[in-house]
Amino acid sequence: MRAAVISVLGLAALVVASLIAILSPTHTSAPRVPVANGASLLPSSNANPAQAPALRVSLPAPTESTGSIAPARLPASLPETPFADLSTCRSNSAVLGVSRMVEIDTTDGPGFGFEHFKEHDFLHDKEVVLTFDDGPWPHNTPAVLAALAAHCTKATFFPIGKHAIWRPEILKQVAQDGHTIGSHTWSHADLSKKSPEEAKREIEMGASAVHVAVGGKTAPFFRFPALRHPPEMVTYLGQRNVAIFSCDMDSFDFTMRKPDQVIRSIMNKLAKHGKGIILMHDFQRATAEALPELLNQLKANGYKVVHMVPKAPLQTLAQYDEMVQKENKLPTVSSRPTSSVVRSIP
């Protein structure tokens, strides 16, 4: 009899617990996505909450003497935002997004950036163009991509040819994420110290290397290393219908070791100029660490991002494509992964 009473009471308790679980309201508020500085961003309204933590940008202290940083946590596939459809990102008021896109007609090699060129002023007050030089670079470039993706915004990258060939998978991710990709010479040589023929080779091999690494269309956009513009090479790029990009403000992030220095440099210059093409380096660890908070501050201070795209893609020259292929690794018949070719034995 006592056992029967206990059984009935247990059944009643189970029924009550089930009713409470059914009637209790579910938690529907969107999770917040942590960023490096401890601030947070609300994910877009159509984001899958279960995937939200994958957008975390975690940038611990340097672990190697080279100054590289540990890889950021990236989603398995970063969200792609087609050039023509930014509605999803625009619906999220917590992120920078892209306020507008501008198409650049590169015929005759126009120059941009008031540091050196005064002809074309296409930005409105409080508008910025984000640009990054010297990549792609392990850990740093992926961290930059993660920060840009978290803010649903776009940038223009000027990679070095040798870096592109060394780590093409990183540059492919830059292209997949919808960013614009120009070039920055083959080896980052100072073209003002090269003969015209040597300088031409640096320009063309760099462009071919980036094109080969991406495996698709790239932009006829070029930035001179150290912003040194030999007049004969400016003329040459005009003949090649390649636009030249200087900047409106140089972050000088390559002289800095701390993220707050990078942020302060850029925000102070923006406060003075009000708008501009910003030069940064995805090669630099401090810049990769600074970017999440820098984007937060751009948003908080009312700045808007303009994304540049070319009217027509770059046309590389076959002879330099061949030179790049010779510089690249020799192909082999085997395509098996290293783990199946090399193994540790007891």
Protein backbone atom coordinates (compact mmCIF):
# COMPACT_ATOMS: atom_id res chain seq x y z
CA MET A 1 0.00 0.00 0.00
CA ARG A 2 2.78 2.45 0.96
CA ALA A 3 4.64 1.65 -2.29
CA ALA A 4 1.49 2.42 -4.30
CA VAL A 5 1.07 5.83 -2.59
CA ILE A 6 4.70 6.76 -3.31
CA SER A 7 4.25 5.75 -6.95
CA VAL A 8 1.12 7.92 -7.31
CA LEU A 9 2.87 10.91 -5.68
CA GLY A 10 5.88 10.50 -7.99
CA LEU A 11 3.61 10.43 -11.06
CA ALA A 12 1.82 13.59 -9.88
CA ALA A 13 5.13 15.41 -9.40
CA LEU A 14 6.21 14.48 -12.92
CA VAL A 15 2.94 15.83 -14.39
CA VAL A 16 3.31 19.15 -12.50
CA ALA A 17 6.93 19.56 -13.68
CA SER A 18 5.92 18.95 -17.28
CA LEU A 19 3.13 21.56 -17.07
CA ILE A 20 5.58 24.16 -15.67
CA ALA A 21 8.06 23.51 -18.49
CA ILE A 22 5.32 23.89 -21.13
CA LEU A 23 3.84 27.08 -19.68
CA SER A 24 7.16 28.83 -18.94
CA PRO A 25 8.12 31.52 -21.56
CA THR A 26 11.11 30.71 -23.75
CA HIS A 27 14.17 33.01 -23.84
CA THR A 28 14.09 34.76 -27.20
CA SER A 29 16.53 37.64 -26.84
CA ALA A 30 19.40 37.51 -29.33
CA PRO A 31 22.76 36.38 -27.98
CA ARG A 32 25.54 38.94 -28.01
CA VAL A 33 28.68 38.28 -29.99
CA PRO A 34 31.79 39.04 -27.94
CA VAL A 35 34.63 40.92 -29.61
CA ALA A 36 38.25 41.32 -28.64
CA ASN A 37 37.92 44.32 -26.38
CA GLY A 38 35.08 42.88 -24.33
CA ALA A 39 32.40 44.93 -26.07
CA SER A 40 29.71 43.11 -28.01
CA LEU A 41 27.64 43.26 -31.16
CA LEU A 42 24.13 42.02 -31.72
CA PRO A 43 24.05 39.49 -34.56
CA SER A 44 21.79 40.16 -37.55
CA SER A 45 18.10 39.50 -37.13
CA ASN A 46 18.18 36.37 -39.29
CA ALA A 47 21.29 34.89 -37.66
CA ASN A 48 21.15 31.39 -36.26
CA PRO A 49 21.71 31.81 -32.48
CA ALA A 50 23.42 28.44 -32.34
CA GLN A 51 26.06 29.73 -34.76
CA ALA A 52 26.55 33.15 -33.15
CA PRO A 53 29.55 32.20 -30.98
CA ALA A 54 31.45 31.25 -34.16
CA LEU A 55 31.82 34.96 -34.99
CA ARG A 56 33.93 35.58 -31.90
CA VAL A 57 37.17 37.39 -32.64
CA SER A 58 39.57 36.09 -30.01
CA LEU A 59 43.01 37.62 -30.29
CA PRO A 60 45.33 36.49 -27.50
CA ALA A 61 48.79 37.84 -26.92
CA PRO A 62 51.54 37.01 -29.43
CA THR A 63 52.85 33.49 -29.11
CA GLU A 64 55.82 33.68 -31.46
CA SER A 65 58.81 35.96 -31.84
CA THR A 66 57.58 36.77 -35.35
CA GLY A 67 54.79 38.82 -33.81
CA SER A 68 51.98 36.74 -35.31
CA ILE A 69 48.88 36.11 -33.23
CA ALA A 70 46.95 32.96 -32.50
CA PRO A 71 44.25 32.30 -35.11
CA ALA A 72 40.90 33.97 -34.57
CA ARG A 73 37.90 31.70 -34.19
CA LEU A 74 36.28 31.80 -37.61
CA PRO A 75 33.00 30.26 -38.70
CA ALA A 76 33.33 27.22 -40.95
CA SER A 77 32.06 29.41 -43.78
CA LEU A 78 31.99 33.16 -43.31
CA PRO A 79 28.77 34.75 -44.58
CA GLU A 80 28.96 35.90 -48.18
CA THR A 81 27.33 39.25 -48.99
CA PRO A 82 26.94 39.74 -52.76
CA PHE A 83 27.80 43.20 -54.02
CA ALA A 84 24.22 43.74 -55.19
CA ASP A 85 22.42 42.50 -52.07
CA LEU A 86 23.37 44.11 -48.77
CA SER A 87 19.81 44.24 -47.41
CA THR A 88 20.45 41.66 -44.71
CA CYS A 89 23.34 43.59 -43.24
CA ARG A 90 21.59 46.95 -43.62
CA SER A 91 18.72 45.66 -41.48
CA ASN A 92 21.09 45.28 -38.52
CA SER A 93 21.52 48.73 -36.97
CA ALA A 94 24.20 47.49 -34.56
CA VAL A 95 26.83 47.03 -37.30
CA LEU A 96 28.64 49.33 -39.73
CA GLY A 97 27.57 47.53 -42.88
CA VAL A 98 28.20 49.33 -46.18
CA SER A 99 26.47 52.66 -46.68
CA ARG A 100 27.05 52.70 -50.44
CA MET A 101 29.19 51.20 -53.17
CA VAL A 102 31.05 53.19 -55.79
CA GLU A 103 32.16 51.85 -59.16
CA ILE A 104 35.61 52.96 -60.30
CA ASP A 105 36.29 53.36 -64.02
CA THR A 106 40.03 52.74 -64.20
CA THR A 107 40.49 53.88 -67.82
CA ASP A 108 43.72 55.89 -68.17
CA GLY A 109 44.76 55.17 -64.58
CA PRO A 110 43.01 57.72 -62.33
CA GLY A 111 44.62 58.51 -58.97
CA PHE A 112 42.87 58.55 -55.58
CA GLY A 113 43.90 59.71 -52.14
CA PHE A 114 44.68 63.31 -51.25
CA GLU A 115 48.12 62.44 -49.90
CA HIS A 116 49.23 62.52 -53.54
CA PHE A 117 46.24 63.00 -55.88
CA LYS A 118 43.77 65.87 -55.83
CA GLU A 119 41.49 65.14 -58.79
CA HIS A 120 38.80 62.86 -57.39
CA ASP A 121 36.96 63.62 -54.16
CA PHE A 122 34.08 61.12 -54.09
CA LEU A 123 33.51 60.76 -50.34
CA HIS A 124 30.88 62.66 -48.39
CA ASP A 125 31.41 63.90 -44.85
CA LYS A 126 31.80 61.04 -42.35
CA GLU A 127 32.46 58.47 -45.09
CA VAL A 128 35.52 56.20 -45.03
CA VAL A 129 37.10 53.60 -47.29
CA LEU A 130 38.93 50.82 -45.43
CA THR A 131 42.08 49.56 -47.17
CA PHE A 132 44.68 46.98 -46.12
CA ASP A 133 48.18 46.43 -47.50
CA ASP A 134 50.89 43.73 -47.45
CA GLY A 135 48.80 40.59 -46.92
CA PRO A 136 47.80 37.89 -47.03
CA TRP A 137 49.41 36.82 -43.78
CA PRO A 138 48.60 33.83 -41.52
CA HIS A 139 46.49 34.59 -38.44
CA ASN A 140 46.47 38.37 -38.99
CA THR A 141 44.49 38.48 -42.25
CA PRO A 142 41.91 35.90 -41.05
CA ALA A 143 41.45 37.96 -37.87
CA VAL A 144 40.86 41.07 -39.97
CA LEU A 145 38.33 39.18 -42.09
CA ALA A 146 36.49 37.97 -38.98
CA ALA A 147 36.23 41.53 -37.61
CA LEU A 148 34.94 42.86 -40.95
CA ALA A 149 32.42 40.01 -41.20
CA ALA A 150 31.16 40.67 -37.68
CA HIS A 151 30.38 44.25 -38.76
CA CYS A 152 28.98 43.20 -42.16
CA THR A 153 31.36 45.61 -43.86
CA LYS A 154 33.74 45.54 -46.82
CA ALA A 155 37.28 46.69 -47.57
CA THR A 156 39.85 46.87 -50.36
CA PHE A 157 42.99 44.75 -50.05
CA PHE A 158 46.35 45.39 -51.74
CA PRO A 159 48.28 42.10 -51.36
CA ILE A 160 51.95 41.45 -52.08
CA GLY A 161 52.46 38.93 -54.88
CA LYS A 162 54.87 36.67 -52.99
CA HIS A 163 52.54 36.53 -50.00
CA ALA A 164 49.60 35.72 -52.28
CA ILE A 165 51.41 32.76 -53.85
CA TRP A 166 52.61 31.54 -50.47
CA ARG A 167 49.15 31.49 -48.87
CA PRO A 168 46.57 31.55 -51.68
CA GLU A 169 43.87 30.00 -49.49
CA ILE A 170 43.79 33.15 -47.35
CA LEU A 171 43.40 35.41 -50.38
CA LYS A 172 40.67 33.15 -51.72
CA GLN A 173 38.80 33.75 -48.44
CA VAL A 174 39.21 37.52 -48.92
CA ALA A 175 37.59 37.18 -52.35
CA GLN A 176 34.87 34.82 -51.07
CA ASP A 177 33.89 37.35 -48.43
CA GLY A 178 33.19 39.92 -51.15
CA HIS A 179 36.11 42.28 -50.60
CA THR A 180 37.87 44.06 -53.46
CA ILE A 181 41.40 42.86 -54.26
CA GLY A 182 44.01 44.98 -56.01
CA SER A 183 47.81 44.53 -55.91
CA HIS A 184 50.93 45.93 -54.25
CA THR A 185 53.89 44.68 -56.36
CA TRP A 186 55.58 41.29 -56.36
CA SER A 187 58.00 41.80 -53.45
CA HIS A 188 57.13 45.18 -51.93
CA ALA A 189 60.14 46.77 -53.61
CA ASP A 190 60.60 50.55 -53.59
CA LEU A 191 59.95 51.24 -57.27
CA SER A 192 61.64 54.64 -57.08
CA LYS A 193 64.93 52.73 -56.72
CA LYS A 194 64.30 50.38 -59.65
CA SER A 195 64.90 50.75 -63.36
CA PRO A 196 61.73 51.18 -65.45
CA GLU A 197 61.98 47.58 -66.63
CA GLU A 198 62.49 46.23 -63.11
CA ALA A 199 59.63 48.34 -61.79
CA LYS A 200 57.33 47.14 -64.56
CA ARG A 201 58.21 43.53 -63.71
CA GLU A 202 57.42 44.17 -60.03
CA ILE A 203 54.03 45.65 -60.91
CA GLU A 204 53.01 42.99 -63.42
CA MET A 205 54.27 39.96 -61.51
CA GLY A 206 52.48 41.23 -58.41
CA ALA A 207 49.23 41.59 -60.33
CA SER A 208 49.61 38.16 -61.96
CA ALA A 209 50.43 36.49 -58.64
CA VAL A 210 47.33 37.91 -56.98
CA HIS A 211 45.21 36.87 -59.94
CA VAL A 212 46.62 33.32 -59.86
CA ALA A 213 46.16 33.05 -56.09
CA VAL A 214 42.54 34.22 -56.19
CA GLY A 215 41.76 31.99 -59.15
CA GLY A 216 39.27 34.55 -60.42
CA LYS A 217 38.69 38.20 -61.21
CA THR A 218 40.69 40.89 -59.43
CA ALA A 219 40.52 44.67 -59.56
CA PRO A 220 42.81 46.93 -61.66
CA PHE A 221 43.69 48.79 -58.44
CA PHE A 222 47.31 49.38 -57.43
CA ARG A 223 49.10 50.96 -54.49
CA PHE A 224 52.81 51.85 -54.62
CA PRO A 225 54.96 50.52 -51.75
CA ALA A 226 55.89 53.28 -49.31
CA LEU A 227 53.60 55.53 -51.38
CA ARG A 228 56.53 56.42 -53.65
CA HIS A 229 55.30 57.17 -57.15
CA PRO A 230 57.94 57.21 -59.92
CA PRO A 231 56.40 59.40 -62.67
CA GLU A 232 57.21 56.92 -65.45
CA MET A 233 55.39 54.15 -63.55
CA VAL A 234 52.38 56.39 -62.97
CA THR A 235 52.30 56.86 -66.75
CA TYR A 236 52.71 53.12 -67.33
CA LEU A 237 49.77 52.26 -65.06
CA GLY A 238 47.67 54.80 -66.94
CA GLN A 239 48.51 53.03 -70.17
CA ARG A 240 47.47 49.75 -68.52
CA ASN A 241 44.17 51.26 -67.30
CA VAL A 242 45.03 50.56 -63.66
CA ALA A 243 43.83 53.00 -60.98
CA ILE A 244 46.41 54.21 -58.45
CA PHE A 245 45.52 54.47 -54.77
CA SER A 246 47.39 56.59 -52.30
CA CYS A 247 45.37 57.47 -49.16
CA ASP A 248 43.79 60.38 -47.32
CA MET A 249 45.26 59.24 -44.03
CA ASP A 250 48.02 56.77 -43.27
CA SER A 251 47.58 54.96 -39.95
CA PHE A 252 51.34 54.29 -39.71
CA ASP A 253 50.28 51.10 -37.93
CA PHE A 254 53.55 49.46 -38.98
CA THR A 255 55.28 51.66 -36.39
CA MET A 256 52.95 50.53 -33.60
CA ARG A 257 52.88 47.51 -31.31
CA LYS A 258 49.69 48.13 -29.34
CA PRO A 259 46.11 48.07 -30.66
CA ASP A 260 45.09 51.24 -28.80
CA GLN A 261 47.86 53.14 -30.61
CA VAL A 262 46.40 52.12 -33.98
CA ILE A 263 42.88 53.09 -32.93
CA ARG A 264 44.00 56.44 -31.53
CA SER A 265 46.01 57.25 -34.67
CA ILE A 266 43.09 56.63 -37.01
CA MET A 267 40.34 58.21 -34.92
CA ASN A 268 42.40 61.37 -34.28
CA LYS A 269 43.09 61.79 -37.99
CA LEU A 270 39.45 61.20 -38.85
CA ALA A 271 38.40 63.81 -36.29
CA LYS A 272 40.66 66.26 -38.12
CA HIS A 273 39.76 65.37 -41.72
CA GLY A 274 36.16 64.20 -41.30
CA LYS A 275 36.38 61.49 -43.97
CA GLY A 276 38.89 59.60 -46.08
CA ILE A 277 40.59 56.56 -47.54
CA ILE A 278 42.34 54.90 -44.59
CA LEU A 279 45.57 52.97 -45.11
CA MET A 280 46.14 50.00 -42.78
CA HIS A 281 48.05 46.71 -43.00
CA ASP A 282 46.50 43.28 -42.51
CA PHE A 283 50.11 42.10 -42.23
CA GLN A 284 50.39 43.84 -38.84
CA ARG A 285 49.40 42.06 -35.63
CA ALA A 286 48.47 45.28 -33.80
CA THR A 287 46.06 46.18 -36.60
CA ALA A 288 44.39 42.77 -36.49
CA GLU A 289 43.97 43.14 -32.74
CA ALA A 290 42.73 46.73 -33.03
CA LEU A 291 40.17 46.26 -35.79
CA PRO A 292 37.15 44.99 -33.77
CA GLU A 293 37.28 48.01 -31.44
CA LEU A 294 38.18 50.39 -34.27
CA LEU A 295 35.04 49.32 -36.16
CA ASN A 296 33.03 49.76 -32.96
CA GLN A 297 34.33 53.31 -32.61
CA LEU A 298 33.68 54.16 -36.25
CA LYS A 299 30.08 53.05 -35.75
CA ALA A 300 29.72 54.90 -32.44
CA ASN A 301 31.04 58.14 -33.98
CA GLY A 302 28.71 58.07 -36.95
CA TYR A 303 31.16 57.09 -39.71
CA LYS A 304 29.95 55.14 -42.73
CA VAL A 305 31.86 52.70 -44.94
CA VAL A 306 32.00 53.08 -48.72
CA HIS A 307 33.01 50.01 -50.72
CA MET A 308 34.92 50.48 -53.99
CA VAL A 309 34.45 48.06 -56.89
CA PRO A 310 35.95 48.21 -60.40
CA LYS A 311 33.92 48.79 -63.54
CA ALA A 312 35.95 46.06 -65.27
CA PRO A 313 38.36 43.40 -63.96
CA LEU A 314 42.13 43.46 -64.33
CA GLN A 315 43.60 41.97 -67.48
CA THR A 316 46.95 40.36 -66.64
CA LEU A 317 49.73 39.83 -69.20
CA ALA A 318 50.54 36.26 -70.25
CA GLN A 319 54.33 36.63 -70.02
CA TYR A 320 54.12 37.64 -66.35
CA ASP A 321 51.56 34.94 -65.59
CA GLU A 322 54.18 32.47 -66.83
CA MET A 323 56.89 34.06 -64.68
CA VAL A 324 54.70 33.64 -61.61
CA GLN A 325 53.99 30.01 -62.43
CA LYS A 326 57.74 29.37 -62.59
CA GLU A 327 58.18 31.01 -59.20
CA ASN A 328 55.40 28.86 -57.77
CA LYS A 329 55.90 25.38 -56.33
CA LEU A 330 56.65 22.64 -58.85
CA PRO A 331 53.50 20.55 -59.49
CA THR A 332 53.48 16.81 -58.74
CA VAL A 333 51.13 14.01 -59.72
CA SER A 334 50.19 13.29 -56.09
CA SER A 335 47.39 15.33 -54.56
CA ARG A 336 47.07 13.39 -51.31
CA PRO A 337 47.11 15.35 -48.02
CA THR A 338 50.30 15.28 -45.96
CA SER A 339 48.62 13.18 -43.26
CA SER A 340 48.25 10.31 -45.74
CA VAL A 341 51.79 10.69 -47.13
CA VAL A 342 53.79 11.13 -43.92
CA ARG A 343 53.08 9.36 -40.63
CA SER A 344 54.90 8.89 -37.35
CA ILE A 345 55.94 5.33 -36.63
CA PRO A 346 56.49 3.73 -33.20
